[in-house]
Amino acid sequence: MEISAALAAELALLADALGTPRADIADTLGRLASDAGSAVGSYVGLSVAMATHGNQVVVTVLEAGLGATDVRTSVLLPLAPAADVEGGARIALVLFAAVPGAFVDLSADLAWLTGQQPEEFRLDEHLGLAGSATGSSTLGAISVVNQALGVLIGDGLTPEEADLYLDARAVELGVDRVAAATLVLAALDGPGPGPVSR
């Protein structure tokens, strides 16, 4: 699995946002892909879905030269919340393969090894994620929102007030939360009062 420099940079931003800046998520994904390829010969890629602090990020990477049409089966591997991350980030892993049924034995083995119910390892319910293979721009959007929240908190708002302010600004301007956050950050470079007018 090849991780582009842009995706590696965004994964580093994600590690920082999760409060684990020394974690090398790109390296971990590479090793995970290698292990998955060893376990299942027709492995073609993976998705990692993370939910933390009200944000959800899905990173999907397929083997070079392959696309969503090459994916014929998937398995969801639920992972425990990360205890070392504030708020316990919830993480799920989805593996993709080119041969239907390739994950039946793997999911049964994992259920037995972990003591989880076999139904928790959902087969073929997440094939659509393969169509989103990217260096996820979602990570960049989350970074912009978090930077804007930091600016608002720096201007004296509590985290809750900053969150409400950003939502109210988005509604007032008729834009999404990311665009409102971008405007907050842009106000730092422009003349006049800071982003929060009281």
N, C-alpha and C. Protein backbone atom coordinates (compact mmCIF):
# COMPACT_ATOMS: atom_id res chain seq x y z
N MET A 1 0.85 -1.17 0.00
CA MET A 1 0.00 0.00 0.00
C MET A 1 0.89 1.23 0.00
N GLU A 2 0.65 2.12 -0.94
CA GLU A 2 1.45 3.34 -1.04
C GLU A 2 0.68 4.49 -0.43
N ILE A 3 1.30 5.17 0.54
CA ILE A 3 0.68 6.33 1.18
C ILE A 3 1.38 7.56 0.63
N SER A 4 0.62 8.43 -0.01
CA SER A 4 1.20 9.62 -0.62
C SER A 4 1.73 10.56 0.46
N ALA A 5 2.61 11.46 0.05
CA ALA A 5 3.16 12.44 1.00
C ALA A 5 2.06 13.32 1.57
N ALA A 6 1.08 13.67 0.73
CA ALA A 6 -0.03 14.51 1.21
C ALA A 6 -0.85 13.78 2.27
N LEU A 7 -1.14 12.49 2.01
CA LEU A 7 -1.91 11.72 2.99
C LEU A 7 -1.10 11.54 4.27
N ALA A 8 0.19 11.28 4.16
CA ALA A 8 1.05 11.13 5.34
C ALA A 8 1.04 12.40 6.18
N ALA A 9 1.07 13.56 5.51
CA ALA A 9 1.02 14.83 6.23
C ALA A 9 -0.31 15.01 6.94
N GLU A 10 -1.41 14.63 6.28
CA GLU A 10 -2.71 14.75 6.92
C GLU A 10 -2.85 13.76 8.07
N LEU A 11 -2.28 12.58 7.95
CA LEU A 11 -2.31 11.62 9.05
C LEU A 11 -1.50 12.14 10.23
N ALA A 12 -0.42 12.86 9.97
CA ALA A 12 0.35 13.47 11.06
C ALA A 12 -0.49 14.54 11.76
N LEU A 13 -1.26 15.32 10.98
CA LEU A 13 -2.18 16.29 11.58
C LEU A 13 -3.22 15.59 12.46
N LEU A 14 -3.71 14.46 11.98
CA LEU A 14 -4.69 13.71 12.74
C LEU A 14 -4.10 13.23 14.06
N ALA A 15 -2.88 12.69 14.01
CA ALA A 15 -2.22 12.22 15.24
C ALA A 15 -2.09 13.37 16.23
N ASP A 16 -1.75 14.55 15.73
CA ASP A 16 -1.63 15.72 16.59
C ASP A 16 -2.99 16.09 17.18
N ALA A 17 -4.04 16.06 16.36
CA ALA A 17 -5.39 16.39 16.84
C ALA A 17 -5.88 15.39 17.88
N LEU A 18 -5.46 14.15 17.75
CA LEU A 18 -5.84 13.13 18.72
C LEU A 18 -5.02 13.21 19.99
N GLY A 19 -4.05 14.11 20.02
CA GLY A 19 -3.22 14.26 21.21
C GLY A 19 -2.07 13.26 21.29
N THR A 20 -1.75 12.65 20.14
CA THR A 20 -0.65 11.69 20.09
C THR A 20 0.30 12.07 18.96
N PRO A 21 0.96 13.26 19.08
CA PRO A 21 1.75 13.77 17.95
C PRO A 21 2.92 12.88 17.55
N ARG A 22 3.40 12.02 18.44
CA ARG A 22 4.52 11.16 18.10
C ARG A 22 4.10 9.87 17.40
N ALA A 23 2.79 9.63 17.33
CA ALA A 23 2.31 8.43 16.66
C ALA A 23 2.54 8.55 15.16
N ASP A 24 3.04 7.50 14.55
CA ASP A 24 3.24 7.49 13.10
C ASP A 24 2.12 6.66 12.48
N ILE A 25 0.99 7.32 12.24
CA ILE A 25 -0.19 6.62 11.74
C ILE A 25 0.08 6.05 10.35
N ALA A 26 0.81 6.77 9.53
CA ALA A 26 1.11 6.29 8.17
C ALA A 26 1.89 4.97 8.24
N ASP A 27 2.89 4.90 9.12
CA ASP A 27 3.67 3.68 9.26
C ASP A 27 2.81 2.54 9.78
N THR A 28 1.95 2.85 10.74
CA THR A 28 1.05 1.83 11.31
C THR A 28 0.12 1.29 10.23
N LEU A 29 -0.44 2.18 9.40
CA LEU A 29 -1.33 1.73 8.33
C LEU A 29 -0.58 0.86 7.33
N GLY A 30 0.66 1.23 7.02
CA GLY A 30 1.46 0.44 6.10
C GLY A 30 1.71 -0.97 6.63
N ARG A 31 2.06 -1.07 7.92
CA ARG A 31 2.30 -2.39 8.51
C ARG A 31 1.01 -3.20 8.57
N LEU A 32 -0.09 -2.51 8.90
CA LEU A 32 -1.39 -3.18 8.96
C LEU A 32 -1.77 -3.74 7.60
N ALA A 33 -1.55 -2.95 6.55
CA ALA A 33 -1.86 -3.41 5.19
C ALA A 33 -1.01 -4.61 4.82
N SER A 34 0.25 -4.57 5.19
CA SER A 34 1.14 -5.70 4.91
C SER A 34 0.66 -6.97 5.62
N ASP A 35 0.28 -6.83 6.90
CA ASP A 35 -0.22 -7.98 7.67
C ASP A 35 -1.53 -8.51 7.09
N ALA A 36 -2.41 -7.59 6.67
CA ALA A 36 -3.68 -8.02 6.09
C ALA A 36 -3.45 -8.76 4.78
N GLY A 37 -2.49 -8.27 3.99
CA GLY A 37 -2.15 -8.94 2.73
C GLY A 37 -1.59 -10.33 2.96
N SER A 38 -0.86 -10.51 4.07
CA SER A 38 -0.33 -11.83 4.41
C SER A 38 -1.44 -12.79 4.84
N ALA A 39 -2.44 -12.24 5.54
CA ALA A 39 -3.53 -13.07 6.06
C ALA A 39 -4.55 -13.43 4.98
N VAL A 40 -4.78 -12.52 4.04
CA VAL A 40 -5.79 -12.72 3.00
C VAL A 40 -5.15 -12.38 1.65
N GLY A 41 -4.95 -13.38 0.84
CA GLY A 41 -4.25 -13.21 -0.43
C GLY A 41 -4.87 -12.21 -1.38
N SER A 42 -6.19 -12.04 -1.34
CA SER A 42 -6.85 -11.13 -2.29
C SER A 42 -7.10 -9.74 -1.68
N TYR A 43 -6.44 -9.44 -0.57
CA TYR A 43 -6.55 -8.12 0.08
C TYR A 43 -6.23 -7.01 -0.92
N VAL A 44 -7.06 -5.94 -0.94
CA VAL A 44 -6.81 -4.83 -1.86
C VAL A 44 -6.77 -3.46 -1.19
N GLY A 45 -7.13 -3.36 0.08
CA GLY A 45 -7.08 -2.05 0.72
C GLY A 45 -7.80 -2.03 2.05
N LEU A 46 -7.85 -0.83 2.64
CA LEU A 46 -8.49 -0.69 3.94
C LEU A 46 -9.05 0.71 4.13
N SER A 47 -9.97 0.80 5.09
CA SER A 47 -10.48 2.08 5.56
C SER A 47 -10.34 2.10 7.07
N VAL A 48 -9.98 3.25 7.59
CA VAL A 48 -9.96 3.44 9.03
C VAL A 48 -10.92 4.58 9.32
N ALA A 49 -11.91 4.32 10.17
CA ALA A 49 -12.88 5.34 10.57
C ALA A 49 -12.62 5.70 12.02
N MET A 50 -12.46 6.99 12.28
CA MET A 50 -12.18 7.47 13.62
C MET A 50 -13.20 8.53 13.99
N ALA A 51 -13.74 8.43 15.19
CA ALA A 51 -14.65 9.44 15.70
C ALA A 51 -14.11 9.94 17.03
N THR A 52 -13.85 11.22 17.11
CA THR A 52 -13.36 11.81 18.35
C THR A 52 -13.75 13.28 18.40
N HIS A 53 -14.06 13.75 19.57
CA HIS A 53 -14.39 15.16 19.79
C HIS A 53 -15.46 15.66 18.82
N GLY A 54 -16.44 14.83 18.53
CA GLY A 54 -17.53 15.23 17.65
C GLY A 54 -17.20 15.21 16.17
N ASN A 55 -16.00 14.81 15.81
CA ASN A 55 -15.60 14.75 14.40
C ASN A 55 -15.46 13.30 13.97
N GLN A 56 -15.77 13.04 12.72
CA GLN A 56 -15.55 11.71 12.18
C GLN A 56 -14.66 11.82 10.95
N VAL A 57 -13.66 10.96 10.92
CA VAL A 57 -12.72 10.95 9.80
C VAL A 57 -12.66 9.54 9.25
N VAL A 58 -12.74 9.41 7.94
CA VAL A 58 -12.58 8.11 7.30
C VAL A 58 -11.45 8.24 6.29
N VAL A 59 -10.42 7.42 6.46
CA VAL A 59 -9.30 7.39 5.53
C VAL A 59 -9.34 6.05 4.82
N THR A 60 -9.41 6.08 3.50
CA THR A 60 -9.47 4.85 2.71
C THR A 60 -8.30 4.82 1.74
N VAL A 61 -7.58 3.72 1.74
CA VAL A 61 -6.44 3.57 0.85
C VAL A 61 -6.53 2.20 0.19
N LEU A 62 -6.48 2.20 -1.15
CA LEU A 62 -6.47 0.94 -1.91
C LEU A 62 -5.09 0.73 -2.51
N GLU A 63 -4.78 -0.52 -2.80
CA GLU A 63 -3.50 -0.85 -3.44
C GLU A 63 -3.37 -0.07 -4.75
N ALA A 64 -2.15 0.27 -5.11
CA ALA A 64 -1.88 1.06 -6.31
C ALA A 64 -2.50 0.41 -7.54
N GLY A 65 -3.15 1.22 -8.36
CA GLY A 65 -3.73 0.74 -9.61
C GLY A 65 -5.11 0.12 -9.46
N LEU A 66 -5.61 0.01 -8.23
CA LEU A 66 -6.93 -0.60 -8.02
C LEU A 66 -7.95 0.47 -7.67
N GLY A 67 -9.21 0.17 -7.96
CA GLY A 67 -10.30 1.09 -7.65
C GLY A 67 -11.44 0.38 -6.97
N ALA A 68 -12.50 1.12 -6.71
CA ALA A 68 -13.66 0.58 -6.00
C ALA A 68 -14.26 -0.63 -6.72
N THR A 69 -14.16 -0.69 -8.04
CA THR A 69 -14.75 -1.82 -8.78
C THR A 69 -13.98 -3.12 -8.56
N ASP A 70 -12.77 -3.02 -8.04
CA ASP A 70 -11.97 -4.22 -7.75
C ASP A 70 -12.33 -4.83 -6.40
N VAL A 71 -13.09 -4.10 -5.59
CA VAL A 71 -13.45 -4.57 -4.26
C VAL A 71 -14.73 -5.40 -4.34
N ARG A 72 -14.65 -6.64 -3.88
CA ARG A 72 -15.79 -7.56 -3.94
C ARG A 72 -16.30 -7.98 -2.56
N THR A 73 -15.51 -7.71 -1.52
CA THR A 73 -15.92 -8.08 -0.17
C THR A 73 -15.24 -7.17 0.84
N SER A 74 -15.83 -7.07 2.03
CA SER A 74 -15.26 -6.25 3.09
C SER A 74 -15.58 -6.87 4.43
N VAL A 75 -14.81 -6.50 5.44
CA VAL A 75 -15.10 -6.92 6.81
C VAL A 75 -14.80 -5.75 7.73
N LEU A 76 -15.72 -5.47 8.64
CA LEU A 76 -15.54 -4.44 9.65
C LEU A 76 -14.92 -5.07 10.88
N LEU A 77 -13.82 -4.48 11.36
CA LEU A 77 -13.17 -4.93 12.59
C LEU A 77 -13.31 -3.81 13.61
N PRO A 78 -14.26 -3.94 14.56
CA PRO A 78 -14.42 -2.88 15.57
C PRO A 78 -13.24 -2.91 16.53
N LEU A 79 -12.71 -1.76 16.83
CA LEU A 79 -11.58 -1.66 17.75
C LEU A 79 -12.04 -0.94 19.01
N ALA A 80 -11.43 -1.25 20.12
CA ALA A 80 -11.80 -0.62 21.38
C ALA A 80 -11.42 0.86 21.35
N PRO A 81 -12.16 1.69 22.12
CA PRO A 81 -11.77 3.10 22.20
C PRO A 81 -10.35 3.23 22.71
N ALA A 82 -9.64 4.21 22.19
CA ALA A 82 -8.25 4.43 22.60
C ALA A 82 -8.24 5.05 23.99
N ALA A 83 -7.73 4.31 24.97
CA ALA A 83 -7.76 4.76 26.37
C ALA A 83 -6.85 5.96 26.60
N ASP A 84 -5.79 6.10 25.78
CA ASP A 84 -4.84 7.18 26.01
C ASP A 84 -5.24 8.48 25.31
N VAL A 85 -6.41 8.48 24.66
CA VAL A 85 -6.88 9.69 23.99
C VAL A 85 -8.06 10.24 24.76
N GLU A 86 -7.99 11.54 25.08
CA GLU A 86 -9.07 12.17 25.82
C GLU A 86 -10.40 11.97 25.10
N GLY A 87 -11.41 11.52 25.81
CA GLY A 87 -12.71 11.25 25.21
C GLY A 87 -12.77 9.89 24.56
N GLY A 88 -11.66 9.13 24.58
CA GLY A 88 -11.66 7.77 24.05
C GLY A 88 -12.09 7.70 22.60
N ALA A 89 -11.21 8.09 21.69
CA ALA A 89 -11.54 8.04 20.27
C ALA A 89 -12.01 6.64 19.89
N ARG A 90 -13.09 6.57 19.14
CA ARG A 90 -13.60 5.28 18.67
C ARG A 90 -13.05 5.05 17.28
N ILE A 91 -12.55 3.84 17.08
CA ILE A 91 -11.89 3.52 15.82
C ILE A 91 -12.43 2.20 15.28
N ALA A 92 -12.68 2.16 13.98
CA ALA A 92 -13.08 0.92 13.32
C ALA A 92 -12.22 0.75 12.08
N LEU A 93 -11.93 -0.48 11.77
CA LEU A 93 -11.11 -0.80 10.61
C LEU A 93 -11.94 -1.64 9.65
N VAL A 94 -11.91 -1.30 8.37
CA VAL A 94 -12.58 -2.08 7.34
C VAL A 94 -11.52 -2.54 6.35
N LEU A 95 -11.47 -3.84 6.13
CA LEU A 95 -10.54 -4.42 5.15
C LEU A 95 -11.32 -4.75 3.88
N PHE A 96 -10.66 -4.62 2.73
CA PHE A 96 -11.27 -4.92 1.44
C PHE A 96 -10.48 -6.03 0.74
N ALA A 97 -11.20 -6.87 -0.02
CA ALA A 97 -10.55 -7.93 -0.80
C ALA A 97 -11.26 -8.06 -2.14
N ALA A 98 -10.57 -8.69 -3.09
CA ALA A 98 -11.09 -8.83 -4.45
C ALA A 98 -11.89 -10.11 -4.64
N VAL A 99 -11.81 -11.06 -3.71
CA VAL A 99 -12.50 -12.34 -3.87
C VAL A 99 -13.64 -12.43 -2.86
N PRO A 100 -14.89 -12.57 -3.34
CA PRO A 100 -16.01 -12.70 -2.40
C PRO A 100 -15.78 -13.84 -1.42
N GLY A 101 -16.11 -13.57 -0.13
CA GLY A 101 -15.97 -14.59 0.90
C GLY A 101 -14.58 -14.68 1.51
N ALA A 102 -13.66 -13.84 1.05
CA ALA A 102 -12.27 -13.92 1.51
C ALA A 102 -12.11 -13.70 3.01
N PHE A 103 -13.07 -13.00 3.64
CA PHE A 103 -12.92 -12.68 5.06
C PHE A 103 -13.75 -13.56 5.99
N VAL A 104 -14.43 -14.55 5.46
CA VAL A 104 -15.30 -15.40 6.29
C VAL A 104 -14.48 -16.09 7.38
N ASP A 105 -13.41 -16.75 7.00
CA ASP A 105 -12.59 -17.46 7.99
C ASP A 105 -11.89 -16.47 8.94
N LEU A 106 -11.38 -15.37 8.39
CA LEU A 106 -10.70 -14.39 9.23
C LEU A 106 -11.64 -13.83 10.28
N SER A 107 -12.86 -13.47 9.89
CA SER A 107 -13.79 -12.90 10.87
C SER A 107 -14.16 -13.92 11.94
N ALA A 108 -14.33 -15.20 11.55
CA ALA A 108 -14.63 -16.25 12.53
C ALA A 108 -13.46 -16.43 13.50
N ASP A 109 -12.25 -16.43 12.97
CA ASP A 109 -11.06 -16.57 13.82
C ASP A 109 -10.93 -15.39 14.78
N LEU A 110 -11.16 -14.19 14.29
CA LEU A 110 -11.06 -13.01 15.15
C LEU A 110 -12.12 -13.01 16.24
N ALA A 111 -13.32 -13.45 15.90
CA ALA A 111 -14.38 -13.54 16.91
C ALA A 111 -13.96 -14.52 18.01
N TRP A 112 -13.42 -15.65 17.60
CA TRP A 112 -12.99 -16.66 18.57
C TRP A 112 -11.82 -16.14 19.43
N LEU A 113 -10.85 -15.49 18.79
CA LEU A 113 -9.67 -15.00 19.52
C LEU A 113 -10.00 -13.87 20.49
N THR A 114 -10.94 -13.00 20.11
CA THR A 114 -11.25 -11.83 20.94
C THR A 114 -12.41 -12.05 21.89
N GLY A 115 -13.16 -13.14 21.69
CA GLY A 115 -14.32 -13.39 22.53
C GLY A 115 -15.53 -12.54 22.16
N GLN A 116 -15.45 -11.85 21.03
CA GLN A 116 -16.59 -11.05 20.57
C GLN A 116 -17.55 -11.93 19.78
N GLN A 117 -18.76 -11.43 19.62
CA GLN A 117 -19.76 -12.15 18.84
C GLN A 117 -19.39 -12.07 17.35
N PRO A 118 -19.59 -13.15 16.61
CA PRO A 118 -19.26 -13.13 15.17
C PRO A 118 -19.96 -12.01 14.41
N GLU A 119 -21.18 -11.63 14.84
CA GLU A 119 -21.93 -10.57 14.14
C GLU A 119 -21.23 -9.22 14.20
N GLU A 120 -20.33 -9.05 15.18
CA GLU A 120 -19.65 -7.76 15.30
C GLU A 120 -18.65 -7.53 14.18
N PHE A 121 -18.23 -8.60 13.53
CA PHE A 121 -17.31 -8.50 12.40
C PHE A 121 -18.16 -8.55 11.13
N ARG A 122 -18.70 -7.39 10.76
CA ARG A 122 -19.70 -7.31 9.69
C ARG A 122 -19.06 -7.50 8.32
N LEU A 123 -19.62 -8.47 7.60
CA LEU A 123 -19.13 -8.78 6.26
C LEU A 123 -19.93 -8.03 5.20
N ASP A 124 -19.24 -7.44 4.24
CA ASP A 124 -19.82 -6.85 3.04
C ASP A 124 -20.81 -5.71 3.28
N GLU A 125 -20.79 -5.10 4.46
CA GLU A 125 -21.69 -3.97 4.74
C GLU A 125 -21.04 -2.61 4.45
N HIS A 126 -19.77 -2.61 4.14
CA HIS A 126 -19.06 -1.35 3.98
C HIS A 126 -18.32 -1.25 2.64
N LEU A 127 -18.87 -1.89 1.64
CA LEU A 127 -18.23 -1.86 0.32
C LEU A 127 -18.17 -0.45 -0.26
N GLY A 128 -19.15 0.37 0.08
CA GLY A 128 -19.21 1.74 -0.44
C GLY A 128 -18.03 2.59 -0.02
N LEU A 129 -17.41 2.27 1.11
CA LEU A 129 -16.25 3.05 1.55
C LEU A 129 -15.10 2.97 0.56
N ALA A 130 -15.03 1.89 -0.19
CA ALA A 130 -13.93 1.73 -1.15
C ALA A 130 -13.97 2.82 -2.22
N GLY A 131 -15.14 3.37 -2.48
CA GLY A 131 -15.27 4.44 -3.47
C GLY A 131 -14.72 5.77 -3.01
N SER A 132 -14.35 5.85 -1.71
CA SER A 132 -13.85 7.13 -1.18
C SER A 132 -12.35 7.11 -0.98
N ALA A 133 -11.64 6.24 -1.72
CA ALA A 133 -10.18 6.14 -1.55
C ALA A 133 -9.53 7.47 -1.89
N THR A 134 -8.92 8.10 -0.91
CA THR A 134 -8.33 9.42 -1.08
C THR A 134 -7.23 9.64 -0.08
N GLY A 135 -6.57 10.75 -0.24
CA GLY A 135 -5.84 11.38 0.84
C GLY A 135 -6.85 12.34 1.42
N SER A 136 -7.57 11.96 2.41
CA SER A 136 -8.83 12.56 2.83
C SER A 136 -8.75 14.05 3.09
N SER A 137 -9.55 14.83 2.36
CA SER A 137 -9.63 16.26 2.61
C SER A 137 -10.38 16.53 3.90
N THR A 138 -11.06 15.51 4.43
CA THR A 138 -11.77 15.66 5.69
C THR A 138 -10.80 16.04 6.80
N LEU A 139 -9.59 15.49 6.78
CA LEU A 139 -8.61 15.80 7.80
C LEU A 139 -8.24 17.27 7.76
N GLY A 140 -8.08 17.81 6.56
CA GLY A 140 -7.78 19.23 6.44
C GLY A 140 -8.91 20.10 6.97
N ALA A 141 -10.15 19.69 6.70
CA ALA A 141 -11.31 20.44 7.19
C ALA A 141 -11.36 20.44 8.71
N ILE A 142 -11.10 19.29 9.31
CA ILE A 142 -11.10 19.20 10.77
C ILE A 142 -10.00 20.09 11.35
N SER A 143 -8.86 20.11 10.69
CA SER A 143 -7.76 20.95 11.15
C SER A 143 -8.15 22.43 11.13
N VAL A 144 -8.82 22.87 10.07
CA VAL A 144 -9.26 24.26 9.97
C VAL A 144 -10.24 24.60 11.09
N VAL A 145 -11.21 23.72 11.33
CA VAL A 145 -12.20 23.96 12.39
C VAL A 145 -11.51 24.02 13.75
N ASN A 146 -10.59 23.07 14.01
CA ASN A 146 -9.91 23.06 15.30
C ASN A 146 -9.04 24.29 15.50
N GLN A 147 -8.40 24.77 14.43
CA GLN A 147 -7.60 25.99 14.54
C GLN A 147 -8.49 27.19 14.87
N ALA A 148 -9.64 27.27 14.20
CA ALA A 148 -10.57 28.37 14.46
C ALA A 148 -11.09 28.32 15.90
N LEU A 149 -11.40 27.11 16.38
CA LEU A 149 -11.86 26.98 17.77
C LEU A 149 -10.76 27.43 18.72
N GLY A 150 -9.52 27.10 18.40
CA GLY A 150 -8.39 27.54 19.23
C GLY A 150 -8.27 29.05 19.27
N VAL A 151 -8.48 29.71 18.13
CA VAL A 151 -8.43 31.17 18.07
C VAL A 151 -9.54 31.76 18.92
N LEU A 152 -10.73 31.21 18.82
CA LEU A 152 -11.87 31.72 19.59
C LEU A 152 -11.66 31.53 21.09
N ILE A 153 -11.09 30.40 21.46
CA ILE A 153 -10.79 30.15 22.87
C ILE A 153 -9.70 31.13 23.34
N GLY A 154 -8.74 31.37 22.47
CA GLY A 154 -7.69 32.35 22.77
C GLY A 154 -8.25 33.75 22.94
N ASP A 155 -9.37 34.05 22.32
CA ASP A 155 -10.02 35.36 22.45
C ASP A 155 -10.91 35.44 23.69
N GLY A 156 -10.91 34.37 24.50
CA GLY A 156 -11.63 34.43 25.77
C GLY A 156 -12.90 33.61 25.87
N LEU A 157 -13.28 32.91 24.80
CA LEU A 157 -14.47 32.07 24.88
C LEU A 157 -14.12 30.72 25.52
N THR A 158 -15.10 30.12 26.16
CA THR A 158 -14.91 28.76 26.64
C THR A 158 -15.01 27.84 25.42
N PRO A 159 -14.55 26.59 25.54
CA PRO A 159 -14.69 25.67 24.39
C PRO A 159 -16.14 25.55 23.91
N GLU A 160 -17.08 25.50 24.85
CA GLU A 160 -18.51 25.38 24.48
C GLU A 160 -18.98 26.64 23.75
N GLU A 161 -18.57 27.82 24.26
CA GLU A 161 -18.96 29.08 23.62
C GLU A 161 -18.34 29.20 22.22
N ALA A 162 -17.10 28.75 22.09
CA ALA A 162 -16.44 28.80 20.78
C ALA A 162 -17.18 27.93 19.77
N ASP A 163 -17.58 26.74 20.21
CA ASP A 163 -18.32 25.83 19.36
C ASP A 163 -19.64 26.44 18.92
N LEU A 164 -20.37 27.04 19.87
CA LEU A 164 -21.65 27.68 19.56
C LEU A 164 -21.45 28.89 18.64
N TYR A 165 -20.40 29.66 18.90
CA TYR A 165 -20.11 30.83 18.07
C TYR A 165 -19.89 30.42 16.62
N LEU A 166 -19.09 29.38 16.43
CA LEU A 166 -18.77 28.93 15.07
C LEU A 166 -20.04 28.45 14.35
N ASP A 167 -20.89 27.70 15.06
CA ASP A 167 -22.16 27.25 14.46
C ASP A 167 -23.06 28.44 14.12
N ALA A 168 -23.15 29.41 15.04
CA ALA A 168 -24.00 30.58 14.81
C ALA A 168 -23.50 31.40 13.63
N ARG A 169 -22.18 31.53 13.53
CA ARG A 169 -21.59 32.28 12.41
C ARG A 169 -21.89 31.58 11.08
N ALA A 170 -21.83 30.26 11.06
CA ALA A 170 -22.13 29.50 9.85
C ALA A 170 -23.58 29.73 9.43
N VAL A 171 -24.50 29.69 10.39
CA VAL A 171 -25.92 29.91 10.09
C VAL A 171 -26.14 31.33 9.60
N GLU A 172 -25.54 32.29 10.29
CA GLU A 172 -25.69 33.70 9.94
C GLU A 172 -25.23 33.98 8.50
N LEU A 173 -24.13 33.35 8.10
CA LEU A 173 -23.58 33.59 6.76
C LEU A 173 -24.12 32.64 5.70
N GLY A 174 -24.86 31.60 6.13
CA GLY A 174 -25.39 30.63 5.19
C GLY A 174 -24.32 29.75 4.58
N VAL A 175 -23.29 29.42 5.38
CA VAL A 175 -22.20 28.57 4.91
C VAL A 175 -22.05 27.39 5.85
N ASP A 176 -21.19 26.44 5.47
CA ASP A 176 -20.96 25.32 6.37
C ASP A 176 -19.93 25.71 7.44
N ARG A 177 -19.74 24.81 8.40
CA ARG A 177 -18.87 25.05 9.55
C ARG A 177 -17.42 25.29 9.13
N VAL A 178 -16.96 24.58 8.10
CA VAL A 178 -15.58 24.74 7.65
C VAL A 178 -15.38 26.13 7.05
N ALA A 179 -16.34 26.59 6.27
CA ALA A 179 -16.23 27.93 5.68
C ALA A 179 -16.25 29.00 6.77
N ALA A 180 -17.10 28.83 7.79
CA ALA A 180 -17.13 29.78 8.90
C ALA A 180 -15.79 29.78 9.63
N ALA A 181 -15.21 28.60 9.81
CA ALA A 181 -13.90 28.50 10.47
C ALA A 181 -12.83 29.19 9.64
N THR A 182 -12.90 29.02 8.32
CA THR A 182 -11.94 29.66 7.42
C THR A 182 -12.02 31.18 7.54
N LEU A 183 -13.24 31.70 7.69
CA LEU A 183 -13.42 33.15 7.84
C LEU A 183 -12.85 33.64 9.17
N VAL A 184 -13.01 32.84 10.22
CA VAL A 184 -12.43 33.20 11.52
C VAL A 184 -10.91 33.31 11.39
N LEU A 185 -10.31 32.33 10.72
CA LEU A 185 -8.85 32.35 10.55
C LEU A 185 -8.42 33.50 9.64
N ALA A 186 -9.22 33.78 8.61
CA ALA A 186 -8.88 34.88 7.69
C ALA A 186 -8.90 36.21 8.41
N ALA A 187 -9.75 36.36 9.42
CA ALA A 187 -9.83 37.61 10.17
C ALA A 187 -8.53 37.89 10.92
N LEU A 188 -7.74 36.87 11.16
CA LEU A 188 -6.45 37.06 11.84
C LEU A 188 -5.48 37.84 10.97
N ASP A 189 -5.59 37.66 9.65
CA ASP A 189 -4.66 38.30 8.72
C ASP A 189 -5.12 39.67 8.25
N GLY A 190 -6.41 39.94 8.43
CA GLY A 190 -6.95 41.18 7.90
C GLY A 190 -6.94 42.29 8.94
N PRO A 191 -7.24 43.54 8.51
CA PRO A 191 -7.32 44.67 9.43
C PRO A 191 -8.62 44.61 10.23
N GLY A 192 -8.66 45.36 11.29
CA GLY A 192 -9.89 45.47 12.07
C GLY A 192 -9.88 44.55 13.27
N PRO A 193 -11.07 44.45 13.92
CA PRO A 193 -11.15 43.67 15.13
C PRO A 193 -10.92 42.19 14.87
N GLY A 194 -10.62 41.47 15.93
CA GLY A 194 -10.40 40.02 15.84
C GLY A 194 -11.67 39.30 15.48
N PRO A 195 -11.64 37.99 15.47
CA PRO A 195 -12.76 37.21 15.00
C PRO A 195 -14.01 37.30 15.86
N VAL A 196 -13.85 37.60 17.15
CA VAL A 196 -15.03 37.64 18.03
C VAL A 196 -15.35 39.07 18.36
N SER A 197 -16.52 39.53 17.95
CA SER A 197 -16.99 40.87 18.29
C SER A 197 -18.05 40.72 19.37
N ARG A 198 -17.83 41.36 20.49
CA ARG A 198 -18.81 41.23 21.58
C ARG A 198 -19.63 42.49 21.69
